[in-house]
Amino acid sequence: MFNSEDSSEVKDRILKEAQKLFIKNGFKGTSVRDIAKASGTNVAMVNYYFKSKYNLFEIIFEDALDVLTKRIFETITSDLPIFELIETWIHTYYEILFEYPQIAAFILNEVSLNPEGLTHRIKNRNPLSSFTKIEARIEEEIRKGTIRETPVADFLLNILSLCMFPFMFGNLAMTLMEIPRNIYDELIANHEKYVIEFTINALKPCNNE
């Protein structure tokens, strides 16, 4: 429509540059014009291929969410020793959220504006089988005495909140602390170690502490 360049190459370039801009500036801080300029296209081409900025963001988010859920589900259904599993589980959240920080921002936005849509997205990835397996694993470890009595739902919520919160409220934290992004990223990287240690110590039976 616009020139002889392969349309798939143009779409890939727009997606790649849009992802960089969304990560750097967030959804609100990125315009279609910014995306067009970075990708060497124009506003009409971006709208032709992706209809809107929100639709483009959704595509990028879906790809990132696929990566996150696949890695998380593989970890929590693995046969790793329970404390190694927990460490890998938390590390996976931090690793992927550093690479795809738009996940946290999008989830926060969807929780506020479209919770039914977010629920649908997650259910489409069939989380129940993975959660059922980790629930059985935790109950088994409790019976073996490896970990203390722990409500499974509370444990899963603790992991999720401890890992997601620093990324969801990063901009607020940087503003309040008056620090730049690179310093905050370093702080979060160190915080990961604390979250792992805190979570594992909270699970250990009292006689092992």
C-alpha atoms as a PDB file:
ATOM      1  CA  MET A   1       0.000   0.000   0.000  1.00  0.00           C
ATOM      2  CA  PHE A   2       2.733   2.480   0.952  1.00  0.00           C
ATOM      3  CA  ASN A   3       5.835   1.134  -0.815  1.00  0.00           C
ATOM      4  CA  SER A   4       7.451  -2.065  -2.001  1.00  0.00           C
ATOM      5  CA  GLU A   5       8.973  -2.931   1.400  1.00  0.00           C
ATOM      6  CA  ASP A   6       7.750  -6.249   2.810  1.00  0.00           C
ATOM      7  CA  SER A   7       4.790  -5.484   5.086  1.00  0.00           C
ATOM      8  CA  SER A   8       5.909  -8.091   7.624  1.00  0.00           C
ATOM      9  CA  GLU A   9       9.260  -6.321   7.963  1.00  0.00           C
ATOM     10  CA  VAL A  10       7.524  -2.997   8.500  1.00  0.00           C
ATOM     11  CA  LYS A  11       5.181  -4.469  11.139  1.00  0.00           C
ATOM     12  CA  ASP A  12       8.084  -6.140  12.953  1.00  0.00           C
ATOM     13  CA  ARG A  13      10.034  -2.886  12.977  1.00  0.00           C
ATOM     14  CA  ILE A  14       7.071  -0.940  14.336  1.00  0.00           C
ATOM     15  CA  LEU A  15       6.507  -3.556  17.052  1.00  0.00           C
ATOM     16  CA  LYS A  16      10.179  -3.576  18.015  1.00  0.00           C
ATOM     17  CA  GLU A  17      10.450   0.199  18.283  1.00  0.00           C
ATOM     18  CA  ALA A  18       7.078   0.519  20.032  1.00  0.00           C
ATOM     19  CA  GLN A  19       8.180  -1.966  22.669  1.00  0.00           C
ATOM     20  CA  LYS A  20      11.341   0.059  23.345  1.00  0.00           C
ATOM     21  CA  LEU A  21       9.346   3.266  23.691  1.00  0.00           C
ATOM     22  CA  PHE A  22       6.662   1.735  25.913  1.00  0.00           C
ATOM     23  CA  ILE A  23       9.370   0.363  28.193  1.00  0.00           C
ATOM     24  CA  LYS A  24      11.176   3.688  28.312  1.00  0.00           C
ATOM     25  CA  ASN A  25       8.244   6.117  28.477  1.00  0.00           C
ATOM     26  CA  GLY A  26       5.204   4.033  29.408  1.00  0.00           C
ATOM     27  CA  PHE A  27       1.930   3.831  27.499  1.00  0.00           C
ATOM     28  CA  LYS A  28       0.793   7.406  28.210  1.00  0.00           C
ATOM     29  CA  GLY A  29       4.237   8.839  27.532  1.00  0.00           C
ATOM     30  CA  THR A  30       4.465   7.283  24.071  1.00  0.00           C
ATOM     31  CA  SER A  31       2.609   8.684  21.073  1.00  0.00           C
ATOM     32  CA  VAL A  32       1.869   7.121  17.696  1.00  0.00           C
ATOM     33  CA  ARG A  33       4.029   9.853  16.219  1.00  0.00           C
ATOM     34  CA  ASP A  34       6.936   8.779  18.460  1.00  0.00           C
ATOM     35  CA  ILE A  35       6.523   5.189  17.287  1.00  0.00           C
ATOM     36  CA  ALA A  36       6.357   6.224  13.639  1.00  0.00           C
ATOM     37  CA  LYS A  37       9.502   8.343  13.910  1.00  0.00           C
ATOM     38  CA  ALA A  38      11.487   5.624  15.710  1.00  0.00           C
ATOM     39  CA  SER A  39      10.447   2.951  13.211  1.00  0.00           C
ATOM     40  CA  GLY A  40      11.110   5.073  10.122  1.00  0.00           C
ATOM     41  CA  THR A  41       7.462   4.995   9.081  1.00  0.00           C
ATOM     42  CA  ASN A  42       4.599   7.454   9.499  1.00  0.00           C
ATOM     43  CA  VAL A  43       1.432   7.780  11.568  1.00  0.00           C
ATOM     44  CA  ALA A  44      -0.737   6.515   8.727  1.00  0.00           C
ATOM     45  CA  MET A  45       1.333   3.325   8.420  1.00  0.00           C
ATOM     46  CA  VAL A  46       1.231   2.637  12.161  1.00  0.00           C
ATOM     47  CA  ASN A  47      -2.546   3.074  12.185  1.00  0.00           C
ATOM     48  CA  TYR A  48      -2.924   0.990   9.018  1.00  0.00           C
ATOM     49  CA  TYR A  49      -1.079  -1.997  10.478  1.00  0.00           C
ATOM     50  CA  PHE A  50      -2.201  -1.747  14.119  1.00  0.00           C
ATOM     51  CA  LYS A  51      -5.388   0.402  14.140  1.00  0.00           C
ATOM     52  CA  SER A  52      -4.482   2.255  17.353  1.00  0.00           C
ATOM     53  CA  LYS A  53      -1.766   2.762  19.943  1.00  0.00           C
ATOM     54  CA  TYR A  54      -3.762   0.709  22.464  1.00  0.00           C
ATOM     55  CA  ASN A  55      -4.095  -2.204  20.040  1.00  0.00           C
ATOM     56  CA  LEU A  56      -0.356  -2.098  19.387  1.00  0.00           C
ATOM     57  CA  PHE A  57       0.318  -2.079  23.113  1.00  0.00           C
ATOM     58  CA  GLU A  58      -2.054  -5.031  23.585  1.00  0.00           C
ATOM     59  CA  ILE A  59      -0.145  -7.102  21.023  1.00  0.00           C
ATOM     60  CA  ILE A  60       3.155  -6.382  22.775  1.00  0.00           C
ATOM     61  CA  PHE A  61       1.583  -7.102  26.162  1.00  0.00           C
ATOM     62  CA  GLU A  62       0.104 -10.419  24.986  1.00  0.00           C
ATOM     63  CA  ASP A  63       3.515 -11.565  23.739  1.00  0.00           C
ATOM     64  CA  ALA A  64       5.156 -10.560  27.020  1.00  0.00           C
ATOM     65  CA  LEU A  65       2.390 -12.204  29.057  1.00  0.00           C
ATOM     66  CA  ASP A  66       2.914 -15.415  27.092  1.00  0.00           C
ATOM     67  CA  VAL A  67       6.592 -15.376  28.038  1.00  0.00           C
ATOM     68  CA  LEU A  68       5.812 -14.661  31.703  1.00  0.00           C
ATOM     69  CA  THR A  69       3.088 -17.279  32.162  1.00  0.00           C
ATOM     70  CA  LYS A  70       4.987 -19.971  30.261  1.00  0.00           C
ATOM     71  CA  ARG A  71       8.128 -19.520  32.372  1.00  0.00           C
ATOM     72  CA  ILE A  72       6.202 -19.240  35.647  1.00  0.00           C
ATOM     73  CA  PHE A  73       4.032 -22.276  34.975  1.00  0.00           C
ATOM     74  CA  GLU A  74       7.067 -24.338  33.929  1.00  0.00           C
ATOM     75  CA  THR A  75       8.798 -23.406  37.180  1.00  0.00           C
ATOM     76  CA  ILE A  76       5.945 -24.052  39.610  1.00  0.00           C
ATOM     77  CA  THR A  77       5.189 -27.438  38.035  1.00  0.00           C
ATOM     78  CA  SER A  78       8.818 -28.573  38.050  1.00  0.00           C
ATOM     79  CA  ASP A  79      10.342 -31.203  40.341  1.00  0.00           C
ATOM     80  CA  LEU A  80      12.980 -28.867  41.770  1.00  0.00           C
ATOM     81  CA  PRO A  81      13.543 -29.050  45.549  1.00  0.00           C
ATOM     82  CA  ILE A  82      10.966 -26.750  47.111  1.00  0.00           C
ATOM     83  CA  PHE A  83      13.314 -23.952  48.226  1.00  0.00           C
ATOM     84  CA  GLU A  84      15.163 -24.001  44.891  1.00  0.00           C
ATOM     85  CA  LEU A  85      11.793 -23.897  43.143  1.00  0.00           C
ATOM     86  CA  ILE A  86      10.767 -20.818  45.144  1.00  0.00           C
ATOM     87  CA  GLU A  87      14.045 -19.056  44.408  1.00  0.00           C
ATOM     88  CA  THR A  88      13.701 -19.801  40.682  1.00  0.00           C
ATOM     89  CA  TRP A  89      10.055 -18.737  40.754  1.00  0.00           C
ATOM     90  CA  ILE A  90      10.840 -15.329  42.251  1.00  0.00           C
ATOM     91  CA  HIS A  91      13.888 -14.836  40.040  1.00  0.00           C
ATOM     92  CA  THR A  92      11.769 -15.562  36.972  1.00  0.00           C
ATOM     93  CA  TYR A  93       9.298 -12.827  37.900  1.00  0.00           C
ATOM     94  CA  TYR A  94      12.070 -10.276  38.399  1.00  0.00           C
ATOM     95  CA  GLU A  95      13.994 -11.318  35.297  1.00  0.00           C
ATOM     96  CA  ILE A  96      10.982 -11.062  32.986  1.00  0.00           C
ATOM     97  CA  LEU A  97       9.598  -7.889  34.565  1.00  0.00           C
ATOM     98  CA  PHE A  98      12.960  -6.177  34.069  1.00  0.00           C
ATOM     99  CA  GLU A  99      12.807  -7.193  30.399  1.00  0.00           C
ATOM    100  CA  TYR A 100       9.094  -6.432  29.986  1.00  0.00           C
ATOM    101  CA  PRO A 101       8.217  -3.736  32.563  1.00  0.00           C
ATOM    102  CA  GLN A 102       5.086  -2.901  30.538  1.00  0.00           C
ATOM    103  CA  ILE A 103       3.509  -6.092  31.933  1.00  0.00           C
ATOM    104  CA  ALA A 104       3.186  -4.579  35.400  1.00  0.00           C
ATOM    105  CA  ALA A 105       1.845  -1.271  34.077  1.00  0.00           C
ATOM    106  CA  PHE A 106      -0.677  -2.982  31.851  1.00  0.00           C
ATOM    107  CA  ILE A 107      -1.896  -5.293  34.629  1.00  0.00           C
ATOM    108  CA  LEU A 108      -2.360  -2.301  36.944  1.00  0.00           C
ATOM    109  CA  ASN A 109      -4.324  -0.510  34.232  1.00  0.00           C
ATOM    110  CA  GLU A 110      -6.488  -3.551  33.469  1.00  0.00           C
ATOM    111  CA  VAL A 111      -7.206  -4.227  37.145  1.00  0.00           C
ATOM    112  CA  SER A 112      -8.622  -0.700  37.379  1.00  0.00           C
ATOM    113  CA  LEU A 113     -10.391  -0.388  34.028  1.00  0.00           C
ATOM    114  CA  ASN A 114     -11.028  -3.865  32.652  1.00  0.00           C
ATOM    115  CA  PRO A 115     -10.730  -6.609  35.305  1.00  0.00           C
ATOM    116  CA  GLU A 116     -12.964  -8.973  33.320  1.00  0.00           C
ATOM    117  CA  GLY A 117     -10.667  -8.656  30.316  1.00  0.00           C
ATOM    118  CA  LEU A 118      -7.577  -9.375  32.396  1.00  0.00           C
ATOM    119  CA  THR A 119      -9.258 -12.400  33.968  1.00  0.00           C
ATOM    120  CA  HIS A 120     -10.126 -13.664  30.491  1.00  0.00           C
ATOM    121  CA  ARG A 121      -6.535 -13.218  29.285  1.00  0.00           C
ATOM    122  CA  ILE A 122      -5.152 -15.207  32.201  1.00  0.00           C
ATOM    123  CA  LYS A 123      -7.786 -17.950  32.030  1.00  0.00           C
ATOM    124  CA  ASN A 124      -6.964 -18.434  28.352  1.00  0.00           C
ATOM    125  CA  ARG A 125      -3.536 -19.600  29.471  1.00  0.00           C
ATOM    126  CA  ASN A 126      -5.035 -22.376  31.639  1.00  0.00           C
ATOM    127  CA  PRO A 127      -3.433 -21.491  34.984  1.00  0.00           C
ATOM    128  CA  LEU A 128      -5.618 -23.862  37.010  1.00  0.00           C
ATOM    129  CA  SER A 129      -3.602 -27.010  36.287  1.00  0.00           C
ATOM    130  CA  SER A 130      -0.353 -25.296  37.304  1.00  0.00           C
ATOM    131  CA  PHE A 131      -1.854 -23.836  40.483  1.00  0.00           C
ATOM    132  CA  THR A 132      -3.383 -27.206  41.366  1.00  0.00           C
ATOM    133  CA  LYS A 133       0.024 -28.841  41.062  1.00  0.00           C
ATOM    134  CA  ILE A 134       1.848 -26.258  43.183  1.00  0.00           C
ATOM    135  CA  GLU A 135      -0.944 -26.489  45.766  1.00  0.00           C
ATOM    136  CA  ALA A 136      -0.445 -30.256  45.973  1.00  0.00           C
ATOM    137  CA  ARG A 137       3.325 -29.758  46.154  1.00  0.00           C
ATOM    138  CA  ILE A 138       3.067 -27.310  49.057  1.00  0.00           C
ATOM    139  CA  GLU A 139       0.712 -29.611  50.941  1.00  0.00           C
ATOM    140  CA  GLU A 140       3.148 -32.490  50.380  1.00  0.00           C
ATOM    141  CA  GLU A 141       6.077 -30.440  51.706  1.00  0.00           C
ATOM    142  CA  ILE A 142       4.010 -29.494  54.771  1.00  0.00           C
ATOM    143  CA  ARG A 143       3.321 -33.176  55.459  1.00  0.00           C
ATOM    144  CA  LYS A 144       7.023 -33.972  55.084  1.00  0.00           C
ATOM    145  CA  GLY A 145       7.934 -31.190  57.497  1.00  0.00           C
ATOM    146  CA  THR A 146      10.041 -29.324  54.932  1.00  0.00           C
ATOM    147  CA  ILE A 147       7.954 -26.195  55.365  1.00  0.00           C
ATOM    148  CA  ARG A 148       5.604 -24.961  58.075  1.00  0.00           C
ATOM    149  CA  GLU A 149       1.802 -25.009  57.831  1.00  0.00           C
ATOM    150  CA  THR A 150       0.997 -22.416  55.202  1.00  0.00           C
ATOM    151  CA  PRO A 151      -2.325 -21.432  53.566  1.00  0.00           C
ATOM    152  CA  VAL A 152      -1.650 -21.999  49.858  1.00  0.00           C
ATOM    153  CA  ALA A 153      -3.742 -19.051  48.649  1.00  0.00           C
ATOM    154  CA  ASP A 154      -1.916 -16.674  51.010  1.00  0.00           C
ATOM    155  CA  PHE A 155       1.449 -18.020  49.880  1.00  0.00           C
ATOM    156  CA  LEU A 156       0.626 -17.537  46.171  1.00  0.00           C
ATOM    157  CA  LEU A 157      -0.646 -13.997  46.807  1.00  0.00           C
ATOM    158  CA  ASN A 158       2.498 -13.157  48.799  1.00  0.00           C
ATOM    159  CA  ILE A 159       4.762 -14.258  45.949  1.00  0.00           C
ATOM    160  CA  LEU A 160       2.740 -12.329  43.379  1.00  0.00           C
ATOM    161  CA  SER A 161       2.528  -9.112  45.402  1.00  0.00           C
ATOM    162  CA  LEU A 162       6.154  -9.113  46.517  1.00  0.00           C
ATOM    163  CA  CYS A 163       7.329  -9.525  42.925  1.00  0.00           C
ATOM    164  CA  MET A 164       4.854  -7.272  41.111  1.00  0.00           C
ATOM    165  CA  PHE A 165       4.555  -4.309  43.476  1.00  0.00           C
ATOM    166  CA  PRO A 166       8.054  -2.819  42.927  1.00  0.00           C
ATOM    167  CA  PHE A 167       7.436  -2.733  39.167  1.00  0.00           C
ATOM    168  CA  MET A 168       3.823  -1.533  39.309  1.00  0.00           C
ATOM    169  CA  PHE A 169       4.689   1.449  41.495  1.00  0.00           C
ATOM    170  CA  GLY A 170       8.203   2.123  40.245  1.00  0.00           C
ATOM    171  CA  ASN A 171       7.434   5.614  38.906  1.00  0.00           C
ATOM    172  CA  LEU A 172       5.784   6.631  42.175  1.00  0.00           C
ATOM    173  CA  ALA A 173       8.682   5.237  44.206  1.00  0.00           C
ATOM    174  CA  MET A 174      11.280   7.052  42.072  1.00  0.00           C
ATOM    175  CA  THR A 175       9.384  10.323  42.479  1.00  0.00           C
ATOM    176  CA  LEU A 176       9.040   9.970  46.233  1.00  0.00           C
ATOM    177  CA  MET A 177      12.648   8.852  46.688  1.00  0.00           C
ATOM    178  CA  GLU A 178      13.921  11.402  44.142  1.00  0.00           C
ATOM    179  CA  ILE A 179      16.148   8.895  42.360  1.00  0.00           C
ATOM    180  CA  PRO A 180      16.671   8.150  38.630  1.00  0.00           C
ATOM    181  CA  ARG A 181      15.645   4.945  36.856  1.00  0.00           C
ATOM    182  CA  ASN A 182      19.107   3.337  36.888  1.00  0.00           C
ATOM    183  CA  ILE A 183      19.409   3.734  40.661  1.00  0.00           C
ATOM    184  CA  TYR A 184      15.920   2.341  41.182  1.00  0.00           C
ATOM    185  CA  ASP A 185      16.674  -0.644  38.926  1.00  0.00           C
ATOM    186  CA  GLU A 186      19.772  -1.371  41.016  1.00  0.00           C
ATOM    187  CA  LEU A 187      17.700  -1.142  44.184  1.00  0.00           C
ATOM    188  CA  ILE A 188      15.120  -3.572  42.785  1.00  0.00           C
ATOM    189  CA  ALA A 189      17.806  -6.016  41.669  1.00  0.00           C
ATOM    190  CA  ASN A 190      19.091  -6.123  45.238  1.00  0.00           C
ATOM    191  CA  HIS A 191      15.543  -6.300  46.569  1.00  0.00           C
ATOM    192  CA  GLU A 192      15.036  -9.574  44.683  1.00  0.00           C
ATOM    193  CA  LYS A 193      17.581 -11.252  46.963  1.00  0.00           C
ATOM    194  CA  TYR A 194      15.731  -9.957  50.006  1.00  0.00           C
ATOM    195  CA  VAL A 195      12.382 -11.240  48.707  1.00  0.00           C
ATOM    196  CA  ILE A 196      13.848 -14.703  48.124  1.00  0.00           C
ATOM    197  CA  GLU A 197      15.415 -14.835  51.577  1.00  0.00           C
ATOM    198  CA  PHE A 198      12.318 -13.409  53.263  1.00  0.00           C
ATOM    199  CA  THR A 199       9.982 -15.897  51.547  1.00  0.00           C
ATOM    200  CA  ILE A 200      12.106 -18.962  52.233  1.00  0.00           C
ATOM    201  CA  ASN A 201      12.725 -18.025  55.862  1.00  0.00           C
ATOM    202  CA  ALA A 202       8.993 -17.493  56.373  1.00  0.00           C
ATOM    203  CA  LEU A 203       8.364 -21.060  55.183  1.00  0.00           C
ATOM    204  CA  LYS A 204      11.015 -22.856  57.187  1.00  0.00           C
ATOM    205  CA  PRO A 205       9.798 -24.732  60.275  1.00  0.00           C
ATOM    206  CA  CYS A 206      10.649 -22.974  63.526  1.00  0.00           C
ATOM    207  CA  ASN A 207      13.198 -25.627  64.536  1.00  0.00           C
ATOM    208  CA  ASN A 208      15.162 -24.923  61.321  1.00  0.00           C
ATOM    209  CA  GLU A 209      15.451 -21.179  61.794  1.00  0.00           C
END
